[in-house]
């Protein structure tokens, strides 16, 4: 995450209603983090060699580039109405939407985007741009989906991996700045093996296993309260599939945070299975935080 004082919250827009929801969420996040807001539109048509200026006999205000300018202006106006007085800029950048936003990420504090755009089919729960940006961005990515519940806790998925430690730090900062508790949740299914090649036991004590999982979560997060003394932290270990458990818990959260790739994920995956599941099924906004490469 870029901590430079001038690092902006960047929101991607395409004129769709999900993008406008993302703009409102991005404005709130920028104000909370005391950052400027940068509204960006990826303008793909020049790459496809499509004429973007109005035809010679067309009425004034025509052409694809003028339409892009109008949608950026509308997004800036939406952000200004959401948080009056916020420092906001807008820009059209030639390129495909996901590539443009990933290109913005090295100097951004946060990337925000909607869960679907104008090119998405209504049957899709999350758009390909959101998945691509979450997989490749060099800063945290916030996807606006589900309901806004500003008084509910921040929820973070933890599993002891480097990515989940980054996610927990981001979640703690957000919870403190929002004035709400932080709930750290670890979902487990079976006893873990004690070494390479060990087989999981066929019979085990569920109560004992749950206690061990609780202790593991406490150990993973032992330094979090030292780094964030104001955080009100609750740790929970829950038996079940991580994606399903966290998606259900997101019904009573203002935000769910996950690492880009967790413990046990295949190293070749661009985005971890838990993050993928939450992007498709969470009932509140989702933040994906990848460990530094």
Protein backbone atom coordinates (compact mmCIF):
# COMPACT_ATOMS: atom_id res chain seq x y z
CA UNK A 1 0.00 0.00 0.00
CA UNK A 2 1.32 3.41 -0.99
CA UNK A 3 1.63 5.57 2.14
CA UNK A 4 2.88 8.74 0.41
CA UNK A 5 0.97 11.78 1.60
CA UNK A 6 -0.12 12.66 -1.94
CA UNK A 7 -1.23 9.13 -2.88
CA UNK A 8 -4.83 9.33 -4.04
CA UNK A 9 -7.79 7.01 -3.77
CA UNK A 10 -8.47 6.07 -7.41
CA UNK A 11 -11.92 5.06 -8.66
CA UNK A 12 -12.60 3.55 -12.06
CA UNK A 13 -15.75 4.71 -13.87
CA UNK A 14 -17.59 3.70 -17.02
CA UNK A 15 -20.96 5.43 -16.67
CA UNK A 16 -22.73 2.43 -15.14
CA UNK A 17 -24.73 2.46 -11.90
CA UNK A 18 -22.24 0.08 -10.18
CA UNK A 19 -19.49 2.56 -11.06
CA UNK A 20 -21.45 5.43 -9.49
CA UNK A 21 -21.87 3.34 -6.32
CA UNK A 22 -18.10 2.88 -6.39
CA UNK A 23 -17.64 6.65 -6.74
CA UNK A 24 -19.74 7.31 -3.64
CA UNK A 25 -17.83 4.69 -1.66
CA UNK A 26 -14.49 5.99 -2.94
CA UNK A 27 -15.36 9.55 -1.90
CA UNK A 28 -16.15 8.37 1.63
CA UNK A 29 -12.92 6.34 1.78
CA UNK A 30 -10.85 9.25 0.50
CA UNK A 31 -12.31 11.58 3.12
CA UNK A 32 -11.77 9.01 5.88
CA UNK A 33 -8.15 8.49 4.86
CA UNK A 34 -7.60 12.22 4.22
CA UNK A 35 -6.58 11.55 0.64
CA UNK A 36 -7.50 13.22 -2.65
CA UNK A 37 -9.84 11.35 -4.99
CA UNK A 38 -8.89 10.62 -8.58
CA UNK A 39 -11.67 9.61 -11.01
CA UNK A 40 -10.31 7.60 -13.96
CA UNK A 41 -11.94 6.28 -17.12
CA UNK A 42 -10.15 3.74 -19.32
CA UNK A 43 -10.86 4.84 -22.91
CA UNK A 44 -10.37 1.76 -25.06
CA UNK A 45 -11.59 3.01 -28.44
CA UNK A 46 -8.29 4.49 -29.72
CA UNK A 47 -6.66 1.08 -29.21
CA UNK A 48 -9.32 -0.41 -31.49
CA UNK A 49 -8.73 2.30 -34.10
CA UNK A 50 -12.29 3.53 -33.77
CA UNK A 51 -12.86 7.23 -34.61
CA UNK A 52 -13.48 9.08 -31.35
CA UNK A 53 -14.11 12.61 -32.64
CA UNK A 54 -17.52 13.69 -33.97
CA UNK A 55 -18.18 13.31 -37.68
CA UNK A 56 -17.91 16.52 -39.71
CA UNK A 57 -21.70 16.77 -40.14
CA UNK A 58 -22.55 15.63 -36.59
CA UNK A 59 -24.20 17.99 -34.08
CA UNK A 60 -21.99 19.65 -31.42
CA UNK A 61 -21.15 17.46 -28.46
CA UNK A 62 -20.97 14.24 -30.42
CA UNK A 63 -18.21 11.65 -30.56
CA UNK A 64 -16.99 8.95 -28.21
CA UNK A 65 -14.40 11.11 -26.48
CA UNK A 66 -16.99 13.74 -25.64
CA UNK A 67 -19.19 10.98 -24.15
CA UNK A 68 -16.23 9.85 -22.04
CA UNK A 69 -15.67 13.43 -20.85
CA UNK A 70 -19.32 13.67 -19.84
CA UNK A 71 -19.28 10.46 -17.82
CA UNK A 72 -16.12 11.53 -15.97
CA UNK A 73 -17.71 14.93 -15.24
CA UNK A 74 -20.84 13.17 -13.93
CA UNK A 75 -18.72 10.95 -11.68
CA UNK A 76 -16.80 13.93 -10.31
CA UNK A 77 -20.11 15.69 -9.59
CA UNK A 78 -21.38 12.56 -7.79
CA UNK A 79 -18.26 12.50 -5.61
CA UNK A 80 -18.57 16.22 -4.84
CA UNK A 81 -22.19 15.72 -3.81
CA UNK A 82 -21.21 12.78 -1.59
CA UNK A 83 -18.36 14.57 0.22
CA UNK A 84 -18.48 18.34 -0.35
CA UNK A 85 -15.06 19.98 -0.22
CA UNK A 86 -13.12 16.82 -1.10
CA UNK A 87 -10.15 17.32 -3.44
CA UNK A 88 -11.23 15.58 -6.66
CA UNK A 89 -9.73 15.29 -10.14
CA UNK A 90 -10.86 13.40 -13.23
CA UNK A 91 -8.92 11.98 -16.16
CA UNK A 92 -9.50 9.96 -19.32
CA UNK A 93 -6.65 7.54 -20.02
CA UNK A 94 -6.39 5.66 -23.31
CA UNK A 95 -6.40 1.93 -22.63
CA UNK A 96 -8.45 -1.05 -21.47
CA UNK A 97 -10.11 -0.48 -18.09
CA UNK A 98 -8.31 -3.16 -16.06
CA UNK A 99 -4.90 -2.29 -17.52
CA UNK A 100 -5.45 1.42 -16.82
CA UNK A 101 -6.40 0.80 -13.19
CA UNK A 102 -3.52 -1.62 -12.60
CA UNK A 103 -1.24 1.03 -14.11
CA UNK A 104 -2.55 3.53 -11.56
CA UNK A 105 -2.02 1.17 -8.61
CA UNK A 106 1.73 1.67 -7.86
CA UNK A 107 1.11 5.31 -6.90
CA UNK A 108 -2.40 4.90 -5.45
CA UNK A 109 -3.45 4.49 -1.83
CA UNK A 110 -6.49 2.45 -2.84
CA UNK A 111 -8.28 1.41 -6.06
CA UNK A 112 -12.10 1.37 -5.95
CA UNK A 113 -14.39 -0.02 -8.62
CA UNK A 114 -17.85 -1.45 -9.08
CA UNK A 115 -18.63 -5.14 -9.17
CA UNK A 116 -19.96 -4.90 -12.74
CA UNK A 117 -19.59 -2.46 -15.62
CA UNK A 118 -21.41 -1.66 -18.80
CA UNK A 119 -19.78 -4.60 -20.53
CA UNK A 120 -20.89 -7.14 -17.90
CA UNK A 121 -23.78 -9.54 -18.38
CA UNK A 122 -26.52 -9.26 -15.77
CA UNK A 123 -26.12 -12.94 -14.90
CA UNK A 124 -22.51 -12.38 -13.79
CA UNK A 125 -22.13 -11.63 -10.10
CA UNK A 126 -18.81 -9.85 -10.52
CA UNK A 127 -17.18 -8.35 -13.57
CA UNK A 128 -13.90 -9.47 -15.10
CA UNK A 129 -12.36 -6.01 -14.57
CA UNK A 130 -12.82 -6.28 -10.80
CA UNK A 131 -11.22 -9.74 -10.73
CA UNK A 132 -8.29 -8.68 -12.92
CA UNK A 133 -7.55 -5.52 -10.95
CA UNK A 134 -7.79 -7.37 -7.62
CA UNK A 135 -5.36 -9.99 -8.95
CA UNK A 136 -2.72 -7.63 -10.33
CA UNK A 137 -2.91 -4.27 -8.52
CA UNK A 138 0.01 -3.11 -6.37
CA UNK A 139 -2.29 -1.51 -3.77
CA UNK A 140 -5.44 -2.63 -1.94
CA UNK A 141 -8.52 -2.95 -4.15
CA UNK A 142 -12.03 -2.18 -2.88
CA UNK A 143 -15.00 -3.54 -4.81
CA UNK A 144 -18.35 -1.85 -4.14
CA UNK A 145 -21.01 -4.52 -3.77
CA UNK A 146 -23.81 -5.46 -1.38
CA UNK A 147 -25.23 -3.08 1.21
CA UNK A 148 -23.54 -0.14 2.91
CA UNK A 149 -23.59 -0.63 6.72
CA UNK A 150 -21.32 2.09 8.16
CA UNK A 151 -22.10 1.18 11.80
CA UNK A 152 -21.24 -2.53 11.47
CA UNK A 153 -17.80 -4.06 12.19
CA UNK A 154 -15.00 -4.59 9.70
CA UNK A 155 -14.48 -8.31 9.02
CA UNK A 156 -11.12 -9.77 8.01
CA UNK A 157 -10.23 -13.30 6.92
CA UNK A 158 -7.08 -14.65 8.61
CA UNK A 159 -5.11 -17.85 8.05
CA UNK A 160 -1.57 -17.05 9.17
CA UNK A 161 -0.29 -16.29 5.66
CA UNK A 162 1.67 -13.16 4.72
CA UNK A 163 -1.30 -11.98 2.65
CA UNK A 164 -3.70 -12.32 5.58
CA UNK A 165 -1.32 -10.36 7.82
CA UNK A 166 -1.35 -7.54 5.27
CA UNK A 167 -5.15 -7.80 5.13
CA UNK A 168 -5.43 -7.65 8.94
CA UNK A 169 -3.31 -4.51 9.08
CA UNK A 170 -5.45 -2.82 6.40
CA UNK A 171 -8.64 -3.94 8.18
CA UNK A 172 -7.41 -2.63 11.54
CA UNK A 173 -6.62 0.79 10.05
CA UNK A 174 -10.08 0.91 8.46
CA UNK A 175 -11.86 -0.18 11.63
CA UNK A 176 -10.07 2.41 13.76
CA UNK A 177 -10.72 5.24 11.30
CA UNK A 178 -14.38 4.15 11.06
CA UNK A 179 -14.81 3.90 14.83
CA UNK A 180 -16.09 0.31 14.66
CA UNK A 181 -14.83 -3.05 16.00
CA UNK A 182 -12.68 -5.44 13.97
CA UNK A 183 -13.69 -9.09 13.74
CA UNK A 184 -10.89 -11.45 12.65
CA UNK A 185 -12.32 -14.74 11.42
CA UNK A 186 -10.57 -18.00 10.63
CA UNK A 187 -12.59 -20.73 8.96
CA UNK A 188 -11.27 -24.27 9.22
CA UNK A 189 -12.51 -27.65 7.99
CA UNK A 190 -10.15 -30.35 9.32
CA UNK A 191 -7.18 -30.74 11.66
CA UNK A 192 -3.97 -29.51 10.08
CA UNK A 193 -1.10 -31.91 9.48
CA UNK A 194 1.93 -31.57 11.75
CA UNK A 195 4.47 -32.13 9.00
CA UNK A 196 5.00 -32.97 5.30
CA UNK A 197 3.34 -36.22 4.32
CA UNK A 198 1.28 -36.50 7.52
CA UNK A 199 -2.26 -37.77 7.10
CA UNK A 200 -5.21 -36.07 8.75
CA UNK A 201 -6.83 -38.17 11.49
CA UNK A 202 -10.14 -39.81 10.63
CA UNK A 203 -11.48 -39.18 14.16
CA UNK A 204 -10.74 -36.10 16.24
CA UNK A 205 -12.10 -34.13 19.19
CA UNK A 206 -14.06 -31.18 17.76
CA UNK A 207 -13.90 -29.22 21.03
CA UNK A 208 -10.15 -29.67 21.29
CA UNK A 209 -9.73 -28.78 17.61
CA UNK A 210 -11.76 -25.58 18.02
CA UNK A 211 -9.63 -24.55 21.00
CA UNK A 212 -6.47 -25.13 18.99
CA UNK A 213 -7.83 -23.01 16.15
CA UNK A 214 -8.70 -20.19 18.58
CA UNK A 215 -5.14 -20.25 19.91
CA UNK A 216 -3.73 -20.18 16.38
CA UNK A 217 -5.77 -17.10 15.50
CA UNK A 218 -4.66 -15.32 18.68
CA UNK A 219 -1.02 -16.18 17.86
CA UNK A 220 -1.33 -14.95 14.26
CA UNK A 221 -2.72 -11.60 15.45
CA UNK A 222 -0.55 -11.19 18.55
CA UNK A 223 1.16 -8.04 17.26
CA UNK A 224 -1.86 -6.37 15.68
CA UNK A 225 -3.08 -4.59 18.79
CA UNK A 226 0.44 -3.29 19.45
CA UNK A 227 0.52 -1.74 15.98
CA UNK A 228 -3.06 -0.45 16.31
CA UNK A 229 -3.66 0.21 20.04
CA UNK A 230 -7.10 1.72 19.41
CA UNK A 231 -8.47 -1.31 17.57
CA UNK A 232 -11.30 -3.23 19.28
CA UNK A 233 -10.44 -6.74 18.17
CA UNK A 234 -12.51 -9.91 18.40
CA UNK A 235 -11.07 -13.22 17.12
CA UNK A 236 -13.31 -16.05 15.92
CA UNK A 237 -12.54 -19.54 14.65
CA UNK A 238 -15.46 -21.12 12.80
CA UNK A 239 -15.80 -24.61 11.38
CA UNK A 240 -16.78 -24.55 7.71
CA UNK A 241 -15.65 -23.71 4.20
CA UNK A 242 -13.86 -20.34 4.34
CA UNK A 243 -15.64 -18.73 1.39
CA UNK A 244 -19.11 -19.71 2.56
CA UNK A 245 -18.45 -18.85 6.23
CA UNK A 246 -17.07 -15.40 5.42
CA UNK A 247 -19.78 -14.61 2.88
CA UNK A 248 -22.44 -15.39 5.47
CA UNK A 249 -20.64 -13.31 8.12
CA UNK A 250 -20.48 -10.39 5.67
CA UNK A 251 -24.26 -9.94 6.09
CA UNK A 252 -23.49 -8.09 9.35
CA UNK A 253 -20.29 -6.28 8.31
CA UNK A 254 -19.55 -2.92 6.72
CA UNK A 255 -16.54 -4.35 4.88
CA UNK A 256 -14.89 -7.75 4.47
CA UNK A 257 -11.14 -7.84 3.86
CA UNK A 258 -9.16 -10.77 2.47
CA UNK A 259 -5.60 -11.38 1.34
CA UNK A 260 -5.01 -11.85 -2.35
CA UNK A 261 -3.67 -15.35 -1.77
CA UNK A 262 -3.81 -17.31 1.46
CA UNK A 263 -2.17 -20.31 3.06
CA UNK A 264 -2.61 -23.44 0.98
CA UNK A 265 -3.41 -21.57 -2.25
CA UNK A 266 -1.67 -22.77 -5.40
CA UNK A 267 1.16 -20.36 -6.13
CA UNK A 268 0.16 -20.06 -9.79
CA UNK A 269 -3.27 -18.67 -8.97
CA UNK A 270 -3.68 -15.00 -9.80
CA UNK A 271 -6.20 -14.55 -7.01
CA UNK A 272 -6.88 -16.81 -4.03
CA UNK A 273 -10.03 -18.90 -3.87
CA UNK A 274 -11.35 -17.13 -0.74
CA UNK A 275 -10.93 -13.70 -2.35
CA UNK A 276 -12.61 -14.97 -5.52
CA UNK A 277 -15.52 -16.37 -3.51
CA UNK A 278 -16.02 -13.13 -1.59
CA UNK A 279 -15.92 -11.03 -4.76
CA UNK A 280 -18.78 -13.16 -6.07
CA UNK A 281 -20.86 -13.77 -2.94
CA UNK A 282 -20.19 -11.20 -0.19
CA UNK A 283 -23.11 -9.07 1.03
CA UNK A 284 -21.00 -5.93 1.62
CA UNK A 285 -18.02 -4.23 -0.05
CA UNK A 286 -14.90 -6.40 -0.39
CA UNK A 287 -11.27 -5.28 -0.07
CA UNK A 288 -8.51 -7.50 -1.47
CA UNK A 289 -5.02 -6.84 -0.10
CA UNK A 290 -2.09 -8.58 -1.74
CA UNK A 291 1.23 -9.13 0.01
CA UNK A 292 4.15 -7.17 -1.51
CA UNK A 293 5.77 -8.94 -4.44
